[in-house]
N, C-alpha and C. Protein backbone atom coordinates (compact mmCIF):
# COMPACT_ATOMS: atom_id res chain seq x y z
N MET A 1 -23.41 -20.93 19.35
CA MET A 1 -22.09 -21.21 19.04
C MET A 1 -22.34 -21.50 18.08
N LEU A 2 -22.06 -21.86 16.83
CA LEU A 2 -22.03 -22.50 16.17
C LEU A 2 -22.06 -20.88 14.80
N THR A 3 -23.12 -20.33 15.50
CA THR A 3 -23.48 -19.19 14.83
C THR A 3 -22.40 -17.85 15.55
N ALA A 4 -22.02 -18.31 16.10
CA ALA A 4 -20.63 -16.89 16.40
C ALA A 4 -19.83 -17.69 15.78
N ILE A 5 -19.67 -18.53 15.80
CA ILE A 5 -18.13 -18.74 15.12
C ILE A 5 -18.29 -18.78 13.38
N ALA A 6 -19.34 -18.87 13.10
CA ALA A 6 -19.69 -17.96 11.76
C ALA A 6 -19.20 -17.08 11.00
N GLU A 7 -19.76 -16.01 11.96
CA GLU A 7 -19.49 -14.70 12.01
C GLU A 7 -18.50 -14.28 12.29
N PHE A 8 -17.82 -14.79 13.16
CA PHE A 8 -16.45 -14.37 13.17
C PHE A 8 -15.70 -15.37 11.59
N ILE A 9 -15.52 -16.06 11.21
CA ILE A 9 -15.05 -16.15 10.32
C ILE A 9 -15.37 -15.20 8.83
N MET A 10 -17.21 -15.16 8.93
CA MET A 10 -16.85 -14.31 7.76
C MET A 10 -16.78 -12.70 7.70
N GLY A 11 -16.11 -12.16 9.41
CA GLY A 11 -15.69 -10.97 9.26
C GLY A 11 -14.17 -11.05 8.86
N ILE A 12 -13.57 -12.31 9.60
CA ILE A 12 -12.04 -12.62 8.96
C ILE A 12 -12.13 -12.45 7.46
N TRP A 13 -13.36 -12.98 6.99
CA TRP A 13 -12.97 -13.13 5.40
C TRP A 13 -13.01 -12.44 4.87
N ASN A 14 -14.36 -11.17 5.48
CA ASN A 14 -14.85 -9.59 5.02
C ASN A 14 -12.88 -9.01 5.38
N ILE A 15 -12.50 -8.89 5.64
CA ILE A 15 -10.99 -8.34 5.64
C ILE A 15 -10.04 -8.65 5.48
N LEU A 16 -10.05 -9.68 4.60
CA LEU A 16 -9.30 -10.34 3.76
C LEU A 16 -9.41 -9.83 2.30
N MET A 17 -10.34 -9.82 1.91
CA MET A 17 -11.43 -9.87 0.63
C MET A 17 -10.66 -7.84 0.53
N VAL A 18 -10.61 -7.07 1.51
CA VAL A 18 -9.97 -5.61 1.55
C VAL A 18 -8.79 -5.74 1.07
N ILE A 19 -7.82 -6.30 1.70
CA ILE A 19 -7.00 -6.45 1.72
C ILE A 19 -6.11 -5.86 -0.04
N PRO A 20 -6.02 -7.01 -0.83
CA PRO A 20 -6.02 -6.69 -1.87
C PRO A 20 -6.12 -5.34 -2.50
N ILE A 21 -7.89 -4.98 -2.14
CA ILE A 21 -8.36 -3.99 -2.66
C ILE A 21 -7.42 -2.96 -2.39
N VAL A 22 -6.53 -2.50 -1.07
CA VAL A 22 -6.15 -1.51 -1.06
C VAL A 22 -4.30 -1.25 -1.80
N ILE A 23 -4.12 -2.69 -1.89
CA ILE A 23 -3.20 -2.93 -2.42
C ILE A 23 -2.58 -2.13 -3.29
N SER A 24 -3.63 -2.72 -3.99
CA SER A 24 -3.65 -2.25 -6.10
C SER A 24 -4.12 -0.56 -5.71
N ILE A 25 -5.12 -0.64 -5.14
CA ILE A 25 -5.45 1.32 -5.06
C ILE A 25 -3.71 1.56 -4.89
N CYS A 26 -3.02 1.28 -3.75
CA CYS A 26 -1.55 2.20 -3.34
C CYS A 26 -0.87 2.34 -4.38
N SER A 27 -0.18 0.66 -5.24
CA SER A 27 -0.15 0.21 -6.40
C SER A 27 -0.09 1.10 -7.52
N VAL A 28 -1.54 1.41 -7.67
CA VAL A 28 -1.79 2.51 -8.89
C VAL A 28 -1.29 4.29 -8.17
N ILE A 29 -1.57 4.48 -6.73
CA ILE A 29 -1.16 5.62 -6.52
C ILE A 29 0.13 5.63 -6.76
N VAL A 30 1.04 4.87 -6.45
CA VAL A 30 2.50 4.68 -6.32
C VAL A 30 3.28 4.90 -7.60
N ALA A 31 2.40 4.50 -8.62
CA ALA A 31 2.96 4.34 -9.89
C ALA A 31 3.08 5.41 -10.52
N LEU A 32 1.63 6.30 -10.56
CA LEU A 32 1.35 7.38 -11.19
C LEU A 32 1.90 9.18 -10.54
N THR A 33 2.56 8.81 -9.63
CA THR A 33 3.13 9.98 -8.85
C THR A 33 4.72 9.87 -8.81
N PRO A 34 4.77 10.95 -8.66
CA PRO A 34 6.63 10.80 -8.57
C PRO A 34 6.70 11.32 -7.29
N THR A 35 8.05 10.33 -7.07
CA THR A 35 9.06 10.46 -5.56
C THR A 35 9.27 11.80 -5.00
N PRO A 36 8.31 12.59 -4.33
CA PRO A 36 8.76 13.65 -3.54
C PRO A 36 9.71 13.56 -2.85
N LYS A 37 10.48 14.59 -2.96
CA LYS A 37 11.75 15.48 -1.90
C LYS A 37 11.61 16.33 -1.27
N ASP A 38 10.66 17.02 -1.89
CA ASP A 38 10.92 18.90 -1.19
C ASP A 38 9.19 18.55 -0.47
N ASP A 39 8.45 18.07 -0.23
CA ASP A 39 7.10 17.95 0.50
C ASP A 39 7.77 17.11 1.58
N LYS A 40 7.49 17.61 2.70
CA LYS A 40 7.69 16.38 3.82
C LYS A 40 6.44 15.95 4.60
N ILE A 41 5.79 16.42 4.03
CA ILE A 41 3.98 15.69 4.66
C ILE A 41 3.80 14.65 3.95
N TRP A 42 3.94 15.23 2.37
CA TRP A 42 3.66 14.72 1.36
C TRP A 42 4.61 13.28 1.21
N ALA A 43 6.24 13.28 1.24
CA ALA A 43 7.30 12.67 1.72
C ALA A 43 6.56 11.31 2.83
N LYS A 44 5.98 11.24 3.57
CA LYS A 44 5.93 10.32 4.60
C LYS A 44 4.43 9.38 4.09
N VAL A 45 3.36 10.50 3.69
CA VAL A 45 2.28 9.90 3.00
C VAL A 45 2.51 8.83 2.08
N TYR A 46 3.63 8.92 1.01
CA TYR A 46 4.15 8.58 0.04
C TYR A 46 4.89 7.59 0.39
N THR A 47 5.39 7.24 1.73
CA THR A 47 6.23 6.27 2.34
C THR A 47 5.31 5.16 2.52
N TYR A 48 4.09 5.58 2.88
CA TYR A 48 3.16 4.28 4.07
C TYR A 48 2.31 3.58 2.38
N LEU A 49 1.88 4.84 1.31
CA LEU A 49 1.65 4.19 0.57
C LEU A 49 2.72 3.46 -0.62
N GLU A 50 3.72 3.57 -0.10
CA GLU A 50 4.88 2.42 -0.96
C GLU A 50 4.98 0.84 -0.01
N VAL A 51 4.99 1.23 1.41
CA VAL A 51 5.14 0.20 2.02
C VAL A 51 3.27 -0.67 1.69
N LEU A 52 2.22 0.00 1.74
CA LEU A 52 0.86 -0.60 1.11
C LEU A 52 1.47 -1.19 0.12
N ALA A 53 1.37 -0.81 -0.77
CA ALA A 53 1.65 -0.88 -2.04
C ALA A 53 2.37 -2.37 -2.42
N LEU A 54 3.23 -2.97 -0.93
CA LEU A 54 4.57 -3.51 -1.25
C LEU A 54 5.52 -3.41 -2.41
N ALA A 55 5.54 -2.03 -2.48
CA ALA A 55 6.79 -1.53 -3.29
C ALA A 55 7.92 -1.03 -2.31
N ILE A 56 8.79 -2.86 -2.18
CA ILE A 56 9.65 -2.27 -0.81
C ILE A 56 11.08 -3.53 -1.48
N GLY A 57 12.08 -2.50 -0.79
CA GLY A 57 13.19 -3.38 -1.82
C GLY A 57 14.13 -3.16 -2.99
N LYS A 58 13.90 -3.88 -4.68
CA LYS A 58 13.99 -3.97 -5.34
C LYS A 58 13.01 -3.90 -6.18
N ALA A 59 11.61 -3.74 -5.63
CA ALA A 59 10.34 -3.45 -6.30
C ALA A 59 10.32 -1.45 -6.33
N LYS A 60 11.55 -0.98 -5.50
CA LYS A 60 10.73 0.71 -4.82
C LYS A 60 11.23 1.25 -6.86
N ASP A 61 10.90 2.52 -6.78
CA ASP A 61 11.44 3.09 -8.11
C ASP A 61 12.28 3.91 -7.84
N LYS A 62 13.24 4.03 -8.73
CA LYS A 62 14.78 4.67 -8.57
C LYS A 62 14.62 5.76 -9.00
N ASN A 63 15.10 6.94 -8.05
CA ASN A 63 15.47 8.67 -8.66
C ASN A 63 15.91 8.63 -9.26
N PRO A 64 16.03 9.01 -11.25
CA PRO A 64 16.91 9.40 -12.15
C PRO A 64 17.27 10.47 -11.77
N LEU A 65 17.24 11.01 -11.17
CA LEU A 65 17.57 12.47 -10.86
C LEU A 65 19.28 11.94 -10.54
N LEU A 66 19.11 11.58 -9.55
CA LEU A 66 20.30 10.90 -8.46
C LEU A 66 21.27 9.76 -9.38
N LYS A 67 20.94 9.57 -10.71
CA LYS A 67 22.26 8.93 -11.23
C LYS A 67 23.34 10.05 -11.83
N LYS A 68 24.38 9.81 -11.72
CA LYS A 68 24.90 9.95 -12.33
C LYS A 68 26.43 9.39 -12.94
């Protein structure tokens, strides 16, 4: 019984160790790529990458081409 609890906790711990790695990788990808507007598939992928990179709200890049 105690072994099962320890394995469960270690499984959760391993998942929690992966989350910062995913956030870091997605942050780098989002920071290095321009915001896609014309490619619909890449735009959807980019949106998910922004969410995974925690680039939401005021942390999102502003498109300089839209400024007038």
